[in-house]
Amino acid sequence: MKITNEGILTQLGYNIDENSTKQLENIEKNTPGFENIKKHIITLNDHLKHLSSYVAMSNSNPYFKIKIDTDNNEFIEEAKDIINRWAQKYNVNLQKVQNKETYYILGVQK
Protein backbone atom coordinates (compact mmCIF):
# COMPACT_ATOMS: atom_id res chain seq x y z
CA MET A 1 0.00 0.00 0.00
CA LYS A 2 1.38 3.36 -1.01
CA ILE A 3 0.56 6.42 1.07
CA THR A 4 0.95 10.01 -0.06
CA ASN A 5 2.25 12.89 2.03
CA GLU A 6 -1.26 14.33 2.02
CA GLY A 7 -2.50 11.00 3.36
CA ILE A 8 0.04 11.09 6.19
CA LEU A 9 -0.93 14.63 7.13
CA THR A 10 -4.63 13.78 7.09
CA GLN A 11 -4.20 10.57 9.12
CA LEU A 12 -2.18 12.42 11.77
CA GLY A 13 -4.75 15.21 12.02
CA TYR A 14 -2.91 18.00 10.21
CA ASN A 15 -4.35 20.45 7.71
CA ILE A 16 -2.98 20.08 4.21
CA ASP A 17 -1.41 23.48 3.74
CA GLU A 18 1.92 24.90 2.61
CA ASN A 19 3.51 24.92 6.09
CA SER A 20 2.53 21.34 6.98
CA THR A 21 3.58 20.08 3.55
CA LYS A 22 6.99 21.78 3.81
CA GLN A 23 7.50 20.50 7.35
CA LEU A 24 6.70 16.94 6.25
CA GLU A 25 9.04 17.22 3.25
CA ASN A 26 11.82 18.39 5.59
CA ILE A 27 11.17 15.43 7.91
CA GLU A 28 11.25 13.07 4.93
CA LYS A 29 14.66 14.44 3.83
CA ASN A 30 16.10 14.08 7.33
CA THR A 31 14.78 10.59 8.05
CA PRO A 32 16.79 7.85 6.31
CA GLY A 33 14.50 5.07 5.08
CA PHE A 34 11.38 7.21 5.53
CA GLU A 35 9.74 5.71 2.45
CA ASN A 36 9.95 2.27 4.10
CA ILE A 37 8.23 3.27 7.36
CA LYS A 38 5.78 6.05 6.51
CA LYS A 39 2.74 3.76 6.38
CA HIS A 40 3.90 2.11 9.61
CA ILE A 41 4.03 5.51 11.32
CA ILE A 42 0.28 5.82 10.73
CA THR A 43 -0.31 2.35 12.17
CA LEU A 44 1.81 3.17 15.22
CA ASN A 45 -0.23 6.32 15.80
CA ASP A 46 -3.45 4.30 15.60
CA HIS A 47 -2.13 1.78 18.16
CA LEU A 48 -1.15 4.55 20.60
CA LYS A 49 -4.30 6.71 20.52
CA HIS A 50 -6.18 4.81 23.21
CA LEU A 51 -3.17 5.32 25.54
CA SER A 52 -3.21 9.14 25.27
CA SER A 53 -0.14 8.90 23.04
CA TYR A 54 0.46 9.86 19.43
CA VAL A 55 2.87 10.52 16.57
CA ALA A 56 3.33 14.15 15.49
CA MET A 57 5.69 16.35 13.55
CA SER A 58 8.22 17.98 15.84
CA ASN A 59 8.33 21.77 15.80
CA SER A 60 11.89 21.88 17.17
CA ASN A 61 13.60 19.11 15.14
CA PRO A 62 13.14 17.81 11.56
CA TYR A 63 11.69 14.48 12.72
CA PHE A 64 8.49 12.81 13.71
CA LYS A 65 8.09 12.51 17.44
CA ILE A 66 6.22 9.95 19.48
CA LYS A 67 4.67 11.51 22.56
CA ILE A 68 3.26 9.68 25.55
CA ASP A 69 0.91 12.30 26.93
CA THR A 70 -0.48 10.79 30.12
CA ASP A 71 0.37 10.38 33.81
CA ASN A 72 -1.25 6.94 33.95
CA ASN A 73 1.66 4.54 34.65
CA GLU A 74 -0.11 1.57 33.07
CA PHE A 75 -0.69 3.57 29.87
CA ILE A 76 2.92 4.76 29.88
CA GLU A 77 4.30 1.24 30.19
CA GLU A 78 1.96 -0.15 27.55
CA ALA A 79 2.80 2.70 25.16
CA LYS A 80 6.55 2.16 25.71
CA ASP A 81 6.10 -1.53 24.94
CA ILE A 82 4.21 -0.76 21.71
CA ILE A 83 6.85 1.80 20.69
CA ASN A 84 9.77 -0.53 21.40
CA ARG A 85 8.21 -3.47 19.57
CA TRP A 86 7.43 -1.21 16.59
CA ALA A 87 10.99 0.14 16.48
CA GLN A 88 12.47 -3.38 16.65
CA LYS A 89 10.12 -4.78 14.02
CA TYR A 90 10.94 -2.06 11.47
CA ASN A 91 14.59 -1.46 12.54
CA VAL A 92 13.85 2.15 13.46
CA ASN A 93 16.32 4.29 15.39
CA LEU A 94 14.64 6.26 18.17
CA GLN A 95 16.07 9.00 20.37
CA LYS A 96 14.45 9.55 23.77
CA VAL A 97 14.11 13.14 24.91
CA GLN A 98 15.71 13.55 28.32
CA ASN A 99 13.22 13.76 31.22
CA LYS A 100 10.21 13.36 28.90
CA GLU A 101 8.18 10.47 27.54
CA THR A 102 8.93 11.62 24.00
CA TYR A 103 10.92 9.89 21.26
CA TYR A 104 12.21 11.13 17.91
CA ILE A 105 12.05 8.81 14.90
CA LEU A 106 15.56 9.23 13.46
CA GLY A 107 15.32 6.76 10.60
CA VAL A 108 15.74 3.15 9.60
CA GLN A 109 18.91 1.24 10.53
CA LYS A 110 20.88 0.04 7.55
C-alpha atoms as a PDB file:
ATOM      1  CA  MET A   1       0.000   0.000   0.000  1.00  0.00           C
ATOM      2  CA  LYS A   2       1.378   3.364  -1.011  1.00  0.00           C
ATOM      3  CA  ILE A   3       0.563   6.419   1.073  1.00  0.00           C
ATOM      4  CA  THR A   4       0.953  10.013  -0.060  1.00  0.00           C
ATOM      5  CA  ASN A   5       2.252  12.886   2.029  1.00  0.00           C
ATOM      6  CA  GLU A   6      -1.260  14.332   2.021  1.00  0.00           C
ATOM      7  CA  GLY A   7      -2.505  11.002   3.363  1.00  0.00           C
ATOM      8  CA  ILE A   8       0.039  11.092   6.185  1.00  0.00           C
ATOM      9  CA  LEU A   9      -0.930  14.633   7.130  1.00  0.00           C
ATOM     10  CA  THR A  10      -4.626  13.778   7.090  1.00  0.00           C
ATOM     11  CA  GLN A  11      -4.196  10.573   9.116  1.00  0.00           C
ATOM     12  CA  LEU A  12      -2.180  12.419  11.769  1.00  0.00           C
ATOM     13  CA  GLY A  13      -4.754  15.210  12.021  1.00  0.00           C
ATOM     14  CA  TYR A  14      -2.906  18.002  10.207  1.00  0.00           C
ATOM     15  CA  ASN A  15      -4.346  20.449   7.715  1.00  0.00           C
ATOM     16  CA  ILE A  16      -2.982  20.081   4.210  1.00  0.00           C
ATOM     17  CA  ASP A  17      -1.408  23.477   3.742  1.00  0.00           C
ATOM     18  CA  GLU A  18       1.921  24.902   2.610  1.00  0.00           C
ATOM     19  CA  ASN A  19       3.505  24.919   6.089  1.00  0.00           C
ATOM     20  CA  SER A  20       2.529  21.343   6.977  1.00  0.00           C
ATOM     21  CA  THR A  21       3.584  20.078   3.554  1.00  0.00           C
ATOM     22  CA  LYS A  22       6.991  21.782   3.808  1.00  0.00           C
ATOM     23  CA  GLN A  23       7.503  20.498   7.354  1.00  0.00           C
ATOM     24  CA  LEU A  24       6.701  16.938   6.253  1.00  0.00           C
ATOM     25  CA  GLU A  25       9.041  17.222   3.251  1.00  0.00           C
ATOM     26  CA  ASN A  26      11.815  18.387   5.588  1.00  0.00           C
ATOM     27  CA  ILE A  27      11.175  15.431   7.913  1.00  0.00           C
ATOM     28  CA  GLU A  28      11.245  13.073   4.930  1.00  0.00           C
ATOM     29  CA  LYS A  29      14.657  14.437   3.826  1.00  0.00           C
ATOM     30  CA  ASN A  30      16.104  14.083   7.331  1.00  0.00           C
ATOM     31  CA  THR A  31      14.776  10.587   8.051  1.00  0.00           C
ATOM     32  CA  PRO A  32      16.793   7.845   6.309  1.00  0.00           C
ATOM     33  CA  GLY A  33      14.498   5.074   5.080  1.00  0.00           C
ATOM     34  CA  PHE A  34      11.379   7.215   5.526  1.00  0.00           C
ATOM     35  CA  GLU A  35       9.737   5.710   2.445  1.00  0.00           C
ATOM     36  CA  ASN A  36       9.950   2.274   4.104  1.00  0.00           C
ATOM     37  CA  ILE A  37       8.228   3.274   7.356  1.00  0.00           C
ATOM     38  CA  LYS A  38       5.781   6.053   6.510  1.00  0.00           C
ATOM     39  CA  LYS A  39       2.736   3.759   6.378  1.00  0.00           C
ATOM     40  CA  HIS A  40       3.895   2.110   9.606  1.00  0.00           C
ATOM     41  CA  ILE A  41       4.026   5.513  11.324  1.00  0.00           C
ATOM     42  CA  ILE A  42       0.277   5.821  10.726  1.00  0.00           C
ATOM     43  CA  THR A  43      -0.309   2.349  12.169  1.00  0.00           C
ATOM     44  CA  LEU A  44       1.815   3.172  15.224  1.00  0.00           C
ATOM     45  CA  ASN A  45      -0.230   6.324  15.799  1.00  0.00           C
ATOM     46  CA  ASP A  46      -3.447   4.296  15.601  1.00  0.00           C
ATOM     47  CA  HIS A  47      -2.132   1.777  18.158  1.00  0.00           C
ATOM     48  CA  LEU A  48      -1.150   4.547  20.601  1.00  0.00           C
ATOM     49  CA  LYS A  49      -4.300   6.707  20.515  1.00  0.00           C
ATOM     50  CA  HIS A  50      -6.177   4.811  23.212  1.00  0.00           C
ATOM     51  CA  LEU A  51      -3.174   5.315  25.544  1.00  0.00           C
ATOM     52  CA  SER A  52      -3.206   9.136  25.269  1.00  0.00           C
ATOM     53  CA  SER A  53      -0.144   8.896  23.041  1.00  0.00           C
ATOM     54  CA  TYR A  54       0.464   9.860  19.429  1.00  0.00           C
ATOM     55  CA  VAL A  55       2.872  10.520  16.572  1.00  0.00           C
ATOM     56  CA  ALA A  56       3.326  14.145  15.487  1.00  0.00           C
ATOM     57  CA  MET A  57       5.687  16.349  13.545  1.00  0.00           C
ATOM     58  CA  SER A  58       8.225  17.976  15.840  1.00  0.00           C
ATOM     59  CA  ASN A  59       8.334  21.768  15.800  1.00  0.00           C
ATOM     60  CA  SER A  60      11.886  21.876  17.168  1.00  0.00           C
ATOM     61  CA  ASN A  61      13.595  19.109  15.136  1.00  0.00           C
ATOM     62  CA  PRO A  62      13.135  17.807  11.563  1.00  0.00           C
ATOM     63  CA  TYR A  63      11.687  14.483  12.715  1.00  0.00           C
ATOM     64  CA  PHE A  64       8.486  12.815  13.709  1.00  0.00           C
ATOM     65  CA  LYS A  65       8.095  12.512  17.438  1.00  0.00           C
ATOM     66  CA  ILE A  66       6.216   9.949  19.477  1.00  0.00           C
ATOM     67  CA  LYS A  67       4.671  11.514  22.560  1.00  0.00           C
ATOM     68  CA  ILE A  68       3.258   9.676  25.555  1.00  0.00           C
ATOM     69  CA  ASP A  69       0.907  12.303  26.928  1.00  0.00           C
ATOM     70  CA  THR A  70      -0.475  10.788  30.125  1.00  0.00           C
ATOM     71  CA  ASP A  71       0.370  10.382  33.807  1.00  0.00           C
ATOM     72  CA  ASN A  72      -1.249   6.940  33.948  1.00  0.00           C
ATOM     73  CA  ASN A  73       1.657   4.541  34.654  1.00  0.00           C
ATOM     74  CA  GLU A  74      -0.112   1.570  33.068  1.00  0.00           C
ATOM     75  CA  PHE A  75      -0.691   3.569  29.873  1.00  0.00           C
ATOM     76  CA  ILE A  76       2.923   4.765  29.885  1.00  0.00           C
ATOM     77  CA  GLU A  77       4.298   1.243  30.193  1.00  0.00           C
ATOM     78  CA  GLU A  78       1.955  -0.155  27.548  1.00  0.00           C
ATOM     79  CA  ALA A  79       2.802   2.698  25.163  1.00  0.00           C
ATOM     80  CA  LYS A  80       6.547   2.156  25.714  1.00  0.00           C
ATOM     81  CA  ASP A  81       6.098  -1.529  24.941  1.00  0.00           C
ATOM     82  CA  ILE A  82       4.214  -0.764  21.714  1.00  0.00           C
ATOM     83  CA  ILE A  83       6.851   1.802  20.687  1.00  0.00           C
ATOM     84  CA  ASN A  84       9.772  -0.530  21.401  1.00  0.00           C
ATOM     85  CA  ARG A  85       8.205  -3.471  19.566  1.00  0.00           C
ATOM     86  CA  TRP A  86       7.432  -1.208  16.591  1.00  0.00           C
ATOM     87  CA  ALA A  87      10.993   0.136  16.479  1.00  0.00           C
ATOM     88  CA  GLN A  88      12.467  -3.382  16.649  1.00  0.00           C
ATOM     89  CA  LYS A  89      10.118  -4.783  14.017  1.00  0.00           C
ATOM     90  CA  TYR A  90      10.941  -2.060  11.469  1.00  0.00           C
ATOM     91  CA  ASN A  91      14.586  -1.462  12.539  1.00  0.00           C
ATOM     92  CA  VAL A  92      13.849   2.149  13.459  1.00  0.00           C
ATOM     93  CA  ASN A  93      16.315   4.292  15.392  1.00  0.00           C
ATOM     94  CA  LEU A  94      14.637   6.265  18.165  1.00  0.00           C
ATOM     95  CA  GLN A  95      16.070   8.997  20.366  1.00  0.00           C
ATOM     96  CA  LYS A  96      14.453   9.549  23.769  1.00  0.00           C
ATOM     97  CA  VAL A  97      14.115  13.136  24.912  1.00  0.00           C
ATOM     98  CA  GLN A  98      15.714  13.548  28.317  1.00  0.00           C
ATOM     99  CA  ASN A  99      13.221  13.764  31.218  1.00  0.00           C
ATOM    100  CA  LYS A 100      10.205  13.359  28.903  1.00  0.00           C
ATOM    101  CA  GLU A 101       8.184  10.471  27.540  1.00  0.00           C
ATOM    102  CA  THR A 102       8.927  11.620  24.002  1.00  0.00           C
ATOM    103  CA  TYR A 103      10.921   9.889  21.257  1.00  0.00           C
ATOM    104  CA  TYR A 104      12.209  11.132  17.911  1.00  0.00           C
ATOM    105  CA  ILE A 105      12.048   8.814  14.904  1.00  0.00           C
ATOM    106  CA  LEU A 106      15.556   9.230  13.459  1.00  0.00           C
ATOM    107  CA  GLY A 107      15.319   6.763  10.599  1.00  0.00           C
ATOM    108  CA  VAL A 108      15.739   3.146   9.604  1.00  0.00           C
ATOM    109  CA  GLN A 109      18.910   1.245  10.532  1.00  0.00           C
ATOM    110  CA  LYS A 110      20.881   0.043   7.555  1.00  0.00           C
END
